[in-house]
Amino acid sequence: MAIKGNGKMPAREAAMRSKQAFVLALLALSFTACEPVRQTRSAPPPSPAPPPPRDRWELLGQREVDFKGDRDAIEVGRNEGRFQKIRVVVRGAPIQLRDMKVIFVDDSVFDPVSRDRILREDSAYVFDLPGHRRLIKRITFLYRSIDRREGKATVLVYGEH
């Protein structure tokens, strides 16, 4: 910056400085008008599978799943009524479902799981039952918890009337 003998800047330099000051003022104003940048966080864990509406779905039973191959049965019986669908809800930890059979009161069998399935933690799976509305005698499972760090899983089975 060259200042002349009288202590004044040349007009061209003064105009340049006032433009710079104006641009800086606009930048400062635009930054104060903007919202602050928020840090992104990882997504919260998924919420547990909500229980089905009580008017359509009825809890038929629940079992805790072990880490080794576990075979369980939920006895349903005639008093529970006729069902169109069953809903399997997994809570607490993922499981490996090796086999699942629905045995009806006439001893016919429905096998909705044709191969091993991994059922995720806090998820629900719905299976349509064959026929119109069926009386269920029992539901059998062959499964195991997958991840020891997650702990044991709980499987809940609901029937839809």
Foldseek 3Di string as FASTA:
>chain_A
DDADPVRDDPPVVVVVVVVVVVVVVVVVVVVVPDDDDDDDDPDDDDDAADDPDPVFKDWQDKDKFAAPWDKDKGFRDPVNDWFFKKKKFKAQAKKWWAWKWWAFPVRDIDTPDPGIDIGGHRDMDMDTDPDHTTHTGMMMTTMHGDDVVSPIMMMIMMGGD
